[in-house]
Amino acid sequence: MTITRSIRTPIMHRAVEANGFVFVGGTIADDTSVSMGEQTRNILGKISGYLKQAGTDASRVVSASIFVTDLSKKKEMDAAWTEFFADDLPARATVGVADLGGGALIEVVVTALKG
């Protein structure tokens, strides 16, 4: 099996392709001072770009894990999420966490089929 790693950061690769899947590592917003909805929109835009670089797109996302620091803001995140994915909603889990660091309210990890 071939493993292709792309978009290297100091601690990981943003996207790793293996066995027909593209795994996108934990992604937070560039501006963590904005609302949960705005952070979600920024993250999904970044993930869309990572998927494009890996040769796939958001319509092929099959699974997502979402980590949020304030579950009372989940409806705001859900609105941005459904706006982005429309009818291509992946399976997902949303987990409340104590802290993501640097003011981040949300971090998202996705797995997509190679396009």
PDB file of N, CA and C in Angstrom:
ATOM      1  N   MET A   1       0.842  -1.172   0.000  1.00  0.00           N
ATOM      2  CA  MET A   1       0.000   0.000   0.000  1.00  0.00           C
ATOM      3  C   MET A   1       0.895   1.246   0.000  1.00  0.00           C
ATOM      4  N   THR A   2       0.552   2.186  -0.835  1.00  0.00           N
ATOM      5  CA  THR A   2       1.278   3.442  -0.911  1.00  0.00           C
ATOM      6  C   THR A   2       0.627   4.472   0.013  1.00  0.00           C
ATOM      7  N   ILE A   3       1.449   5.199   0.721  1.00  0.00           N
ATOM      8  CA  ILE A   3       0.978   6.292   1.573  1.00  0.00           C
ATOM      9  C   ILE A   3       1.577   7.579   1.030  1.00  0.00           C
ATOM     10  N   THR A   4       0.700   8.551   0.773  1.00  0.00           N
ATOM     11  CA  THR A   4       1.141   9.848   0.265  1.00  0.00           C
ATOM     12  C   THR A   4       0.821  10.906   1.313  1.00  0.00           C
ATOM     13  N   ARG A   5       1.847  11.630   1.725  1.00  0.00           N
ATOM     14  CA  ARG A   5       1.685  12.677   2.736  1.00  0.00           C
ATOM     15  C   ARG A   5       1.879  14.031   2.064  1.00  0.00           C
ATOM     16  N   SER A   6       0.992  14.986   2.391  1.00  0.00           N
ATOM     17  CA  SER A   6       1.125  16.304   1.777  1.00  0.00           C
ATOM     18  C   SER A   6       0.804  17.402   2.780  1.00  0.00           C
ATOM     19  N   ILE A   7       1.220  18.597   2.433  1.00  0.00           N
ATOM     20  CA  ILE A   7       1.013  19.808   3.218  1.00  0.00           C
ATOM     21  C   ILE A   7       1.630  19.651   4.617  1.00  0.00           C
ATOM     22  N   ARG A   8       2.938  19.552   4.630  1.00  0.00           N
ATOM     23  CA  ARG A   8       3.669  19.360   5.886  1.00  0.00           C
ATOM     24  C   ARG A   8       3.637  20.607   6.759  1.00  0.00           C
ATOM     25  N   THR A   9       3.466  20.376   8.058  1.00  0.00           N
ATOM     26  CA  THR A   9       3.605  21.418   9.072  1.00  0.00           C
ATOM     27  C   THR A   9       4.758  20.975   9.970  1.00  0.00           C
ATOM     28  N   PRO A  10       5.142  21.771  10.952  1.00  0.00           N
ATOM     29  CA  PRO A  10       6.218  21.327  11.844  1.00  0.00           C
ATOM     30  C   PRO A  10       5.910  20.037  12.606  1.00  0.00           C
ATOM     31  N   ILE A  11       4.612  19.721  12.808  1.00  0.00           N
ATOM     32  CA  ILE A  11       4.273  18.564  13.635  1.00  0.00           C
ATOM     33  C   ILE A  11       3.486  17.464  12.924  1.00  0.00           C
ATOM     34  N   MET A  12       3.045  17.693  11.697  1.00  0.00           N
ATOM     35  CA  MET A  12       2.229  16.687  11.002  1.00  0.00           C
ATOM     36  C   MET A  12       2.123  17.037   9.521  1.00  0.00           C
ATOM     37  N   HIS A  13       1.461  16.168   8.776  1.00  0.00           N
ATOM     38  CA  HIS A  13       1.033  16.471   7.421  1.00  0.00           C
ATOM     39  C   HIS A  13      -0.471  16.743   7.497  1.00  0.00           C
ATOM     40  N   ARG A  14      -0.923  17.790   6.836  1.00  0.00           N
ATOM     41  CA  ARG A  14      -2.346  18.138   6.863  1.00  0.00           C
ATOM     42  C   ARG A  14      -3.200  17.047   6.243  1.00  0.00           C
ATOM     43  N   ALA A  15      -2.696  16.413   5.179  1.00  0.00           N
ATOM     44  CA  ALA A  15      -3.452  15.369   4.489  1.00  0.00           C
ATOM     45  C   ALA A  15      -2.549  14.162   4.266  1.00  0.00           C
ATOM     46  N   VAL A  16      -3.099  12.983   4.548  1.00  0.00           N
ATOM     47  CA  VAL A  16      -2.390  11.730   4.316  1.00  0.00           C
ATOM     48  C   VAL A  16      -3.342  10.820   3.540  1.00  0.00           C
ATOM     49  N   GLU A  17      -2.872  10.349   2.388  1.00  0.00           N
ATOM     50  CA  GLU A  17      -3.677   9.465   1.559  1.00  0.00           C
ATOM     51  C   GLU A  17      -3.183   8.036   1.713  1.00  0.00           C
ATOM     52  N   ALA A  18      -4.142   7.115   1.940  1.00  0.00           N
ATOM     53  CA  ALA A  18      -3.814   5.693   2.050  1.00  0.00           C
ATOM     54  C   ALA A  18      -5.047   4.872   1.688  1.00  0.00           C
ATOM     55  N   ASN A  19      -4.837   3.859   0.878  1.00  0.00           N
ATOM     56  CA  ASN A  19      -5.889   2.895   0.555  1.00  0.00           C
ATOM     57  C   ASN A  19      -7.180   3.544   0.058  1.00  0.00           C
ATOM     58  N   GLY A  20      -7.058   4.603  -0.744  1.00  0.00           N
ATOM     59  CA  GLY A  20      -8.225   5.243  -1.331  1.00  0.00           C
ATOM     60  C   GLY A  20      -8.900   6.279  -0.464  1.00  0.00           C
ATOM     61  N   PHE A  21      -8.331   6.541   0.709  1.00  0.00           N
ATOM     62  CA  PHE A  21      -8.887   7.546   1.609  1.00  0.00           C
ATOM     63  C   PHE A  21      -7.902   8.688   1.791  1.00  0.00           C
ATOM     64  N   VAL A  22      -8.432   9.874   2.079  1.00  0.00           N
ATOM     65  CA  VAL A  22      -7.620  11.033   2.440  1.00  0.00           C
ATOM     66  C   VAL A  22      -8.018  11.417   3.863  1.00  0.00           C
ATOM     67  N   PHE A  23      -7.035  11.419   4.754  1.00  0.00           N
ATOM     68  CA  PHE A  23      -7.238  11.766   6.155  1.00  0.00           C
ATOM     69  C   PHE A  23      -6.713  13.174   6.372  1.00  0.00           C
ATOM     70  N   VAL A  24      -7.576  14.064   6.832  1.00  0.00           N
ATOM     71  CA  VAL A  24      -7.166  15.448   7.093  1.00  0.00           C
ATOM     72  C   VAL A  24      -7.068  15.624   8.602  1.00  0.00           C
ATOM     73  N   GLY A  25      -5.890  16.029   9.059  1.00  0.00           N
ATOM     74  CA  GLY A  25      -5.637  16.192  10.490  1.00  0.00           C
ATOM     75  C   GLY A  25      -6.419  17.336  11.098  1.00  0.00           C
ATOM     76  N   GLY A  26      -6.351  17.434  12.406  1.00  0.00           N
ATOM     77  CA  GLY A  26      -7.066  18.465  13.146  1.00  0.00           C
ATOM     78  C   GLY A  26      -6.799  19.857  12.613  1.00  0.00           C
ATOM     79  N   THR A  27      -7.884  20.569  12.310  1.00  0.00           N
ATOM     80  CA  THR A  27      -7.799  21.897  11.707  1.00  0.00           C
ATOM     81  C   THR A  27      -8.565  22.888  12.567  1.00  0.00           C
ATOM     82  N   ILE A  28      -7.922  24.004  12.892  1.00  0.00           N
ATOM     83  CA  ILE A  28      -8.582  25.087  13.627  1.00  0.00           C
ATOM     84  C   ILE A  28      -8.631  26.325  12.738  1.00  0.00           C
ATOM     85  N   ALA A  29      -9.403  27.306  13.161  1.00  0.00           N
ATOM     86  CA  ALA A  29      -9.564  28.547  12.404  1.00  0.00           C
ATOM     87  C   ALA A  29      -8.293  29.396  12.468  1.00  0.00           C
ATOM     88  N   ASP A  30      -8.092  30.184  11.430  1.00  0.00           N
ATOM     89  CA  ASP A  30      -6.977  31.127  11.407  1.00  0.00           C
ATOM     90  C   ASP A  30      -7.192  32.243  12.429  1.00  0.00           C
ATOM     91  N   ASP A  31      -8.449  32.696  12.567  1.00  0.00           N
ATOM     92  CA  ASP A  31      -8.782  33.759  13.517  1.00  0.00           C
ATOM     93  C   ASP A  31      -9.661  33.158  14.608  1.00  0.00           C
ATOM     94  N   THR A  32      -9.084  32.920  15.769  1.00  0.00           N
ATOM     95  CA  THR A  32      -9.831  32.295  16.857  1.00  0.00           C
ATOM     96  C   THR A  32     -10.583  33.306  17.723  1.00  0.00           C
ATOM     97  N   SER A  33     -10.587  34.567  17.305  1.00  0.00           N
ATOM     98  CA  SER A  33     -11.325  35.577  18.072  1.00  0.00           C
ATOM     99  C   SER A  33     -12.768  35.719  17.595  1.00  0.00           C
ATOM    100  N   VAL A  34     -13.119  35.053  16.492  1.00  0.00           N
ATOM    101  CA  VAL A  34     -14.467  35.178  15.932  1.00  0.00           C
ATOM    102  C   VAL A  34     -15.394  34.112  16.522  1.00  0.00           C
ATOM    103  N   SER A  35     -16.666  34.186  16.159  1.00  0.00           N
ATOM    104  CA  SER A  35     -17.693  33.298  16.705  1.00  0.00           C
ATOM    105  C   SER A  35     -17.488  31.839  16.293  1.00  0.00           C
ATOM    106  N   MET A  36     -18.218  30.957  16.938  1.00  0.00           N
ATOM    107  CA  MET A  36     -18.185  29.530  16.606  1.00  0.00           C
ATOM    108  C   MET A  36     -18.565  29.309  15.136  1.00  0.00           C
ATOM    109  N   GLY A  37     -19.596  29.994  14.671  1.00  0.00           N
ATOM    110  CA  GLY A  37     -20.014  29.850  13.276  1.00  0.00           C
ATOM    111  C   GLY A  37     -18.935  30.298  12.307  1.00  0.00           C
ATOM    112  N   GLU A  38     -18.308  31.426  12.598  1.00  0.00           N
ATOM    113  CA  GLU A  38     -17.246  31.933  11.717  1.00  0.00           C
ATOM    114  C   GLU A  38     -16.013  31.040  11.762  1.00  0.00           C
ATOM    115  N   GLN A  39     -15.667  30.534  12.939  1.00  0.00           N
ATOM    116  CA  GLN A  39     -14.536  29.603  13.017  1.00  0.00           C
ATOM    117  C   GLN A  39     -14.845  28.346  12.204  1.00  0.00           C
ATOM    118  N   THR A  40     -16.065  27.851  12.300  1.00  0.00           N
ATOM    119  CA  THR A  40     -16.460  26.658  11.545  1.00  0.00           C
ATOM    120  C   THR A  40     -16.342  26.910  10.049  1.00  0.00           C
ATOM    121  N   ARG A  41     -16.851  28.043   9.573  1.00  0.00           N
ATOM    122  CA  ARG A  41     -16.766  28.380   8.143  1.00  0.00           C
ATOM    123  C   ARG A  41     -15.307  28.451   7.674  1.00  0.00           C
ATOM    124  N   ASN A  42     -14.458  29.072   8.486  1.00  0.00           N
ATOM    125  CA  ASN A  42     -13.042  29.177   8.126  1.00  0.00           C
ATOM    126  C   ASN A  42     -12.396  27.799   8.053  1.00  0.00           C
ATOM    127  N   ILE A  43     -12.659  26.971   9.033  1.00  0.00           N
ATOM    128  CA  ILE A  43     -12.094  25.619   9.063  1.00  0.00           C
ATOM    129  C   ILE A  43     -12.542  24.820   7.844  1.00  0.00           C
ATOM    130  N   LEU A  44     -13.829  24.859   7.533  1.00  0.00           N
ATOM    131  CA  LEU A  44     -14.338  24.086   6.406  1.00  0.00           C
ATOM    132  C   LEU A  44     -13.752  24.587   5.088  1.00  0.00           C
ATOM    133  N   GLY A  45     -13.522  25.873   4.974  1.00  0.00           N
ATOM    134  CA  GLY A  45     -12.845  26.412   3.788  1.00  0.00           C
ATOM    135  C   GLY A  45     -11.423  25.896   3.678  1.00  0.00           C
ATOM    136  N   LYS A  46     -10.720  25.857   4.807  1.00  0.00           N
ATOM    137  CA  LYS A  46      -9.350  25.334   4.811  1.00  0.00           C
ATOM    138  C   LYS A  46      -9.340  23.849   4.438  1.00  0.00           C
ATOM    139  N   ILE A  47     -10.256  23.087   5.033  1.00  0.00           N
ATOM    140  CA  ILE A  47     -10.330  21.661   4.731  1.00  0.00           C
ATOM    141  C   ILE A  47     -10.651  21.439   3.256  1.00  0.00           C
ATOM    142  N   SER A  48     -11.521  22.245   2.709  1.00  0.00           N
ATOM    143  CA  SER A  48     -11.847  22.140   1.282  1.00  0.00           C
ATOM    144  C   SER A  48     -10.591  22.304   0.428  1.00  0.00           C
ATOM    145  N   GLY A  49      -9.752  23.252   0.784  1.00  0.00           N
ATOM    146  CA  GLY A  49      -8.495  23.461   0.068  1.00  0.00           C
ATOM    147  C   GLY A  49      -7.542  22.288   0.216  1.00  0.00           C
ATOM    148  N   TYR A  50      -7.447  21.736   1.428  1.00  0.00           N
ATOM    149  CA  TYR A  50      -6.578  20.567   1.646  1.00  0.00           C
ATOM    150  C   TYR A  50      -7.055  19.384   0.815  1.00  0.00           C
ATOM    151  N   LEU A  51      -8.379  19.175   0.785  1.00  0.00           N
ATOM    152  CA  LEU A  51      -8.932  18.070   0.004  1.00  0.00           C
ATOM    153  C   LEU A  51      -8.669  18.262  -1.490  1.00  0.00           C
ATOM    154  N   LYS A  52      -8.807  19.485  -1.951  1.00  0.00           N
ATOM    155  CA  LYS A  52      -8.547  19.766  -3.371  1.00  0.00           C
ATOM    156  C   LYS A  52      -7.100  19.438  -3.719  1.00  0.00           C
ATOM    157  N   GLN A  53      -6.165  19.844  -2.851  1.00  0.00           N
ATOM    158  CA  GLN A  53      -4.752  19.545  -3.090  1.00  0.00           C
ATOM    159  C   GLN A  53      -4.492  18.048  -3.110  1.00  0.00           C
ATOM    160  N   ALA A  54      -5.314  17.286  -2.386  1.00  0.00           N
ATOM    161  CA  ALA A  54      -5.156  15.838  -2.330  1.00  0.00           C
ATOM    162  C   ALA A  54      -5.949  15.118  -3.422  1.00  0.00           C
ATOM    163  N   GLY A  55      -6.628  15.876  -4.274  1.00  0.00           N
ATOM    164  CA  GLY A  55      -7.334  15.278  -5.404  1.00  0.00           C
ATOM    165  C   GLY A  55      -8.743  14.798  -5.109  1.00  0.00           C
ATOM    166  N   THR A  56      -9.396  15.421  -4.133  1.00  0.00           N
ATOM    167  CA  THR A  56     -10.781  15.072  -3.833  1.00  0.00           C
ATOM    168  C   THR A  56     -11.517  16.342  -3.419  1.00  0.00           C
ATOM    169  N   ASP A  57     -12.722  16.201  -2.876  1.00  0.00           N
ATOM    170  CA  ASP A  57     -13.472  17.393  -2.469  1.00  0.00           C
ATOM    171  C   ASP A  57     -14.421  17.063  -1.321  1.00  0.00           C
ATOM    172  N   ALA A  58     -15.080  18.090  -0.818  1.00  0.00           N
ATOM    173  CA  ALA A  58     -15.927  17.956   0.367  1.00  0.00           C
ATOM    174  C   ALA A  58     -17.108  17.012   0.152  1.00  0.00           C
ATOM    175  N   SER A  59     -17.560  16.835  -1.075  1.00  0.00           N
ATOM    176  CA  SER A  59     -18.686  15.926  -1.330  1.00  0.00           C
ATOM    177  C   SER A  59     -18.310  14.474  -1.069  1.00  0.00           C
ATOM    178  N   ARG A  60     -17.014  14.206  -0.931  1.00  0.00           N
ATOM    179  CA  ARG A  60     -16.535  12.839  -0.727  1.00  0.00           C
ATOM    180  C   ARG A  60     -16.088  12.588   0.726  1.00  0.00           C
ATOM    181  N   VAL A  61     -16.367  13.556   1.608  1.00  0.00           N
ATOM    182  CA  VAL A  61     -16.070  13.374   3.034  1.00  0.00           C
ATOM    183  C   VAL A  61     -17.063  12.352   3.595  1.00  0.00           C
ATOM    184  N   VAL A  62     -16.534  11.304   4.211  1.00  0.00           N
ATOM    185  CA  VAL A  62     -17.394  10.242   4.735  1.00  0.00           C
ATOM    186  C   VAL A  62     -17.506  10.271   6.262  1.00  0.00           C
ATOM    187  N   SER A  63     -16.552  10.903   6.924  1.00  0.00           N
ATOM    188  CA  SER A  63     -16.546  10.895   8.380  1.00  0.00           C
ATOM    189  C   SER A  63     -15.882  12.149   8.912  1.00  0.00           C
ATOM    190  N   ALA A  64     -16.382  12.625  10.063  1.00  0.00           N
ATOM    191  CA  ALA A  64     -15.791  13.802  10.701  1.00  0.00           C
ATOM    192  C   ALA A  64     -15.842  13.642  12.212  1.00  0.00           C
ATOM    193  N   SER A  65     -14.804  14.119  12.854  1.00  0.00           N
ATOM    194  CA  SER A  65     -14.768  14.236  14.315  1.00  0.00           C
ATOM    195  C   SER A  65     -14.590  15.711  14.619  1.00  0.00           C
ATOM    196  N   ILE A  66     -15.454  16.225  15.475  1.00  0.00           N
ATOM    197  CA  ILE A  66     -15.460  17.647  15.792  1.00  0.00           C
ATOM    198  C   ILE A  66     -15.271  17.800  17.296  1.00  0.00           C
ATOM    199  N   PHE A  67     -14.354  18.665  17.657  1.00  0.00           N
ATOM    200  CA  PHE A  67     -14.068  18.935  19.061  1.00  0.00           C
ATOM    201  C   PHE A  67     -14.423  20.385  19.338  1.00  0.00           C
ATOM    202  N   VAL A  68     -15.293  20.620  20.322  1.00  0.00           N
ATOM    203  CA  VAL A  68     -15.725  21.986  20.636  1.00  0.00           C
ATOM    204  C   VAL A  68     -15.549  22.259  22.129  1.00  0.00           C
ATOM    205  N   THR A  69     -15.238  23.505  22.441  1.00  0.00           N
ATOM    206  CA  THR A  69     -15.020  23.873  23.839  1.00  0.00           C
ATOM    207  C   THR A  69     -16.293  24.334  24.533  1.00  0.00           C
ATOM    208  N   ASP A  70     -17.361  24.593  23.772  1.00  0.00           N
ATOM    209  CA  ASP A  70     -18.609  25.078  24.363  1.00  0.00           C
ATOM    210  C   ASP A  70     -19.785  24.477  23.603  1.00  0.00           C
ATOM    211  N   LEU A  71     -20.339  23.391  24.144  1.00  0.00           N
ATOM    212  CA  LEU A  71     -21.446  22.709  23.465  1.00  0.00           C
ATOM    213  C   LEU A  71     -22.708  23.563  23.382  1.00  0.00           C
ATOM    214  N   SER A  72     -22.796  24.627  24.165  1.00  0.00           N
ATOM    215  CA  SER A  72     -23.965  25.508  24.066  1.00  0.00           C
ATOM    216  C   SER A  72     -23.968  26.277  22.743  1.00  0.00           C
ATOM    217  N   LYS A  73     -22.827  26.288  22.045  1.00  0.00           N
ATOM    218  CA  LYS A  73     -22.726  26.975  20.747  1.00  0.00           C
ATOM    219  C   LYS A  73     -22.821  25.986  19.574  1.00  0.00           C
ATOM    220  N   LYS A  74     -23.223  24.754  19.862  1.00  0.00           N
ATOM    221  CA  LYS A  74     -23.275  23.705  18.838  1.00  0.00           C
ATOM    222  C   LYS A  74     -24.242  24.056  17.704  1.00  0.00           C
ATOM    223  N   LYS A  75     -25.375  24.688  18.004  1.00  0.00           N
ATOM    224  CA  LYS A  75     -26.341  25.045  16.955  1.00  0.00           C
ATOM    225  C   LYS A  75     -25.713  25.994  15.938  1.00  0.00           C
ATOM    226  N   GLU A  76     -24.886  26.903  16.404  1.00  0.00           N
ATOM    227  CA  GLU A  76     -24.183  27.836  15.519  1.00  0.00           C
ATOM    228  C   GLU A  76     -23.224  27.076  14.601  1.00  0.00           C
ATOM    229  N   MET A  77     -22.523  26.099  15.168  1.00  0.00           N
ATOM    230  CA  MET A  77     -21.629  25.258  14.380  1.00  0.00           C
ATOM    231  C   MET A  77     -22.426  24.418  13.400  1.00  0.00           C
ATOM    232  N   ASP A  78     -23.534  23.837  13.856  1.00  0.00           N
ATOM    233  CA  ASP A  78     -24.367  23.009  12.981  1.00  0.00           C
ATOM    234  C   ASP A  78     -24.884  23.788  11.774  1.00  0.00           C
ATOM    235  N   ALA A  79     -25.260  25.036  11.969  1.00  0.00           N
ATOM    236  CA  ALA A  79     -25.763  25.860  10.868  1.00  0.00           C
ATOM    237  C   ALA A  79     -24.688  26.050   9.795  1.00  0.00           C
ATOM    238  N   ALA A  80     -23.470  26.376  10.216  1.00  0.00           N
ATOM    239  CA  ALA A  80     -22.372  26.542   9.253  1.00  0.00           C
ATOM    240  C   ALA A  80     -22.047  25.207   8.589  1.00  0.00           C
ATOM    241  N   TRP A  81     -22.107  24.130   9.348  1.00  0.00           N
ATOM    242  CA  TRP A  81     -21.803  22.789   8.857  1.00  0.00           C
ATOM    243  C   TRP A  81     -22.772  22.376   7.750  1.00  0.00           C
ATOM    244  N   THR A  82     -24.076  22.505   8.022  1.00  0.00           N
ATOM    245  CA  THR A  82     -25.073  22.079   7.033  1.00  0.00           C
ATOM    246  C   THR A  82     -25.090  23.011   5.824  1.00  0.00           C
ATOM    247  N   GLU A  83     -24.781  24.274   6.035  1.00  0.00           N
ATOM    248  CA  GLU A  83     -24.653  25.219   4.920  1.00  0.00           C
ATOM    249  C   GLU A  83     -23.532  24.772   3.981  1.00  0.00           C
ATOM    250  N   PHE A  84     -22.430  24.315   4.542  1.00  0.00           N
ATOM    251  CA  PHE A  84     -21.272  23.901   3.750  1.00  0.00           C
ATOM    252  C   PHE A  84     -21.506  22.567   3.044  1.00  0.00           C
ATOM    253  N   PHE A  85     -21.993  21.568   3.769  1.00  0.00           N
ATOM    254  CA  PHE A  85     -22.114  20.223   3.203  1.00  0.00           C
ATOM    255  C   PHE A  85     -23.420  19.985   2.447  1.00  0.00           C
ATOM    256  N   ALA A  86     -24.456  20.766   2.708  1.00  0.00           N
ATOM    257  CA  ALA A  86     -25.768  20.606   2.054  1.00  0.00           C
ATOM    258  C   ALA A  86     -26.235  19.159   2.190  1.00  0.00           C
ATOM    259  N   ASP A  87     -26.462  18.467   1.082  1.00  0.00           N
ATOM    260  CA  ASP A  87     -26.959  17.087   1.119  1.00  0.00           C
ATOM    261  C   ASP A  87     -25.850  16.053   1.259  1.00  0.00           C
ATOM    262  N   ASP A  88     -24.596  16.475   1.258  1.00  0.00           N
ATOM    263  CA  ASP A  88     -23.467  15.547   1.344  1.00  0.00           C
ATOM    264  C   ASP A  88     -22.938  15.438   2.778  1.00  0.00           C
ATOM    265  N   LEU A  89     -23.837  15.442   3.748  1.00  0.00           N
ATOM    266  CA  LEU A  89     -23.430  15.395   5.153  1.00  0.00           C
ATOM    267  C   LEU A  89     -22.717  14.083   5.477  1.00  0.00           C
ATOM    268  N   PRO A  90     -21.519  14.168   6.050  1.00  0.00           N
ATOM    269  CA  PRO A  90     -20.803  12.946   6.445  1.00  0.00           C
ATOM    270  C   PRO A  90     -21.306  12.427   7.796  1.00  0.00           C
ATOM    271  N   ALA A  91     -20.963  11.191   8.108  1.00  0.00           N
ATOM    272  CA  ALA A  91     -21.150  10.693   9.468  1.00  0.00           C
ATOM    273  C   ALA A  91     -20.228  11.524  10.364  1.00  0.00           C
ATOM    274  N   ARG A  92     -20.666  11.792  11.590  1.00  0.00           N
ATOM    275  CA  ARG A  92     -19.808  12.625  12.429  1.00  0.00           C
ATOM    276  C   ARG A  92     -20.086  12.417  13.907  1.00  0.00           C
ATOM    277  N   ALA A  93     -19.128  12.857  14.706  1.00  0.00           N
ATOM    278  CA  ALA A  93     -19.270  12.898  16.157  1.00  0.00           C
ATOM    279  C   ALA A  93     -18.789  14.266  16.617  1.00  0.00           C
ATOM    280  N   THR A  94     -19.493  14.831  17.575  1.00  0.00           N
ATOM    281  CA  THR A  94     -19.096  16.103  18.171  1.00  0.00           C
ATOM    282  C   THR A  94     -18.807  15.853  19.649  1.00  0.00           C
ATOM    283  N   VAL A  95     -17.614  16.240  20.069  1.00  0.00           N
ATOM    284  CA  VAL A  95     -17.153  15.957  21.426  1.00  0.00           C
ATOM    285  C   VAL A  95     -16.822  17.268  22.136  1.00  0.00           C
ATOM    286  N   GLY A  96     -17.321  17.428  23.336  1.00  0.00           N
ATOM    287  CA  GLY A  96     -16.975  18.585  24.148  1.00  0.00           C
ATOM    288  C   GLY A  96     -15.618  18.368  24.815  1.00  0.00           C
ATOM    289  N   VAL A  97     -14.760  19.380  24.728  1.00  0.00           N
ATOM    290  CA  VAL A  97     -13.428  19.317  25.333  1.00  0.00           C
ATOM    291  C   VAL A  97     -13.208  20.569  26.188  1.00  0.00           C
ATOM    292  N   ALA A  98     -12.290  20.479  27.123  1.00  0.00           N
ATOM    293  CA  ALA A  98     -12.034  21.592  28.033  1.00  0.00           C
ATOM    294  C   ALA A  98     -11.345  22.762  27.348  1.00  0.00           C
ATOM    295  N   ASP A  99     -10.370  22.474  26.475  1.00  0.00           N
ATOM    296  CA  ASP A  99      -9.563  23.555  25.900  1.00  0.00           C
ATOM    297  C   ASP A  99      -8.877  23.055  24.638  1.00  0.00           C
ATOM    298  N   LEU A 100      -8.851  23.892  23.611  1.00  0.00           N
ATOM    299  CA  LEU A 100      -8.131  23.581  22.378  1.00  0.00           C
ATOM    300  C   LEU A 100      -6.907  24.476  22.205  1.00  0.00           C
ATOM    301  N   GLY A 101      -6.723  25.408  23.105  1.00  0.00           N
ATOM    302  CA  GLY A 101      -5.577  26.311  23.056  1.00  0.00           C
ATOM    303  C   GLY A 101      -5.802  27.496  22.139  1.00  0.00           C
ATOM    304  N   GLY A 102      -5.195  28.598  22.494  1.00  0.00           N
ATOM    305  CA  GLY A 102      -5.186  29.799  21.650  1.00  0.00           C
ATOM    306  C   GLY A 102      -6.541  30.395  21.332  1.00  0.00           C
ATOM    307  N   GLY A 103      -7.541  30.124  22.127  1.00  0.00           N
ATOM    308  CA  GLY A 103      -8.863  30.698  21.887  1.00  0.00           C
ATOM    309  C   GLY A 103      -9.711  29.928  20.895  1.00  0.00           C
ATOM    310  N   ALA A 104      -9.198  28.826  20.358  1.00  0.00           N
ATOM    311  CA  ALA A 104      -9.967  28.031  19.403  1.00  0.00           C
ATOM    312  C   ALA A 104     -11.208  27.465  20.083  1.00  0.00           C
ATOM    313  N   LEU A 105     -12.352  27.599  19.407  1.00  0.00           N
ATOM    314  CA  LEU A 105     -13.597  27.057  19.907  1.00  0.00           C
ATOM    315  C   LEU A 105     -13.913  25.699  19.304  1.00  0.00           C
ATOM    316  N   ILE A 106     -13.261  25.369  18.184  1.00  0.00           N
ATOM    317  CA  ILE A 106     -13.580  24.160  17.440  1.00  0.00           C
ATOM    318  C   ILE A 106     -12.351  23.662  16.685  1.00  0.00           C
ATOM    319  N   GLU A 107     -12.221  22.345  16.597  1.00  0.00           N
ATOM    320  CA  GLU A 107     -11.200  21.690  15.785  1.00  0.00           C
ATOM    321  C   GLU A 107     -11.899  20.547  15.055  1.00  0.00           C
ATOM    322  N   VAL A 108     -11.576  20.376  13.769  1.00  0.00           N
ATOM    323  CA  VAL A 108     -12.256  19.383  12.938  1.00  0.00           C
ATOM    324  C   VAL A 108     -11.237  18.459  12.274  1.00  0.00           C
ATOM    325  N   VAL A 109     -11.566  17.164  12.269  1.00  0.00           N
ATOM    326  CA  VAL A 109     -10.783  16.124  11.600  1.00  0.00           C
ATOM    327  C   VAL A 109     -11.736  15.438  10.623  1.00  0.00           C
ATOM    328  N   VAL A 110     -11.335  15.222   9.365  1.00  0.00           N
ATOM    329  CA  VAL A 110     -12.214  14.542   8.405  1.00  0.00           C
ATOM    330  C   VAL A 110     -11.464  13.443   7.658  1.00  0.00           C
ATOM    331  N   THR A 111     -12.264  12.500   7.144  1.00  0.00           N
ATOM    332  CA  THR A 111     -11.766  11.451   6.260  1.00  0.00           C
ATOM    333  C   THR A 111     -12.635  11.490   5.004  1.00  0.00           C
ATOM    334  N   ALA A 112     -11.987  11.488   3.845  1.00  0.00           N
ATOM    335  CA  ALA A 112     -12.700  11.536   2.566  1.00  0.00           C
ATOM    336  C   ALA A 112     -12.207  10.424   1.655  1.00  0.00           C
ATOM    337  N   LEU A 113     -13.061  10.025   0.731  1.00  0.00           N
ATOM    338  CA  LEU A 113     -12.647   9.121  -0.329  1.00  0.00           C
ATOM    339  C   LEU A 113     -11.852   9.907  -1.357  1.00  0.00           C
ATOM    340  N   LYS A 114     -10.851   9.301  -1.902  1.00  0.00           N
ATOM    341  CA  LYS A 114     -10.081   9.943  -2.968  1.00  0.00           C
ATOM    342  C   LYS A 114     -11.016  10.127  -4.165  1.00  0.00           C
ATOM    343  N   GLY A 115     -10.964  11.322  -4.772  1.00  0.00           N
ATOM    344  CA  GLY A 115     -11.898  11.652  -5.845  1.00  0.00           C
ATOM    345  C   GLY A 115     -11.536  11.189  -7.177  1.00  0.00           C
TER     346      GLY A 115
END
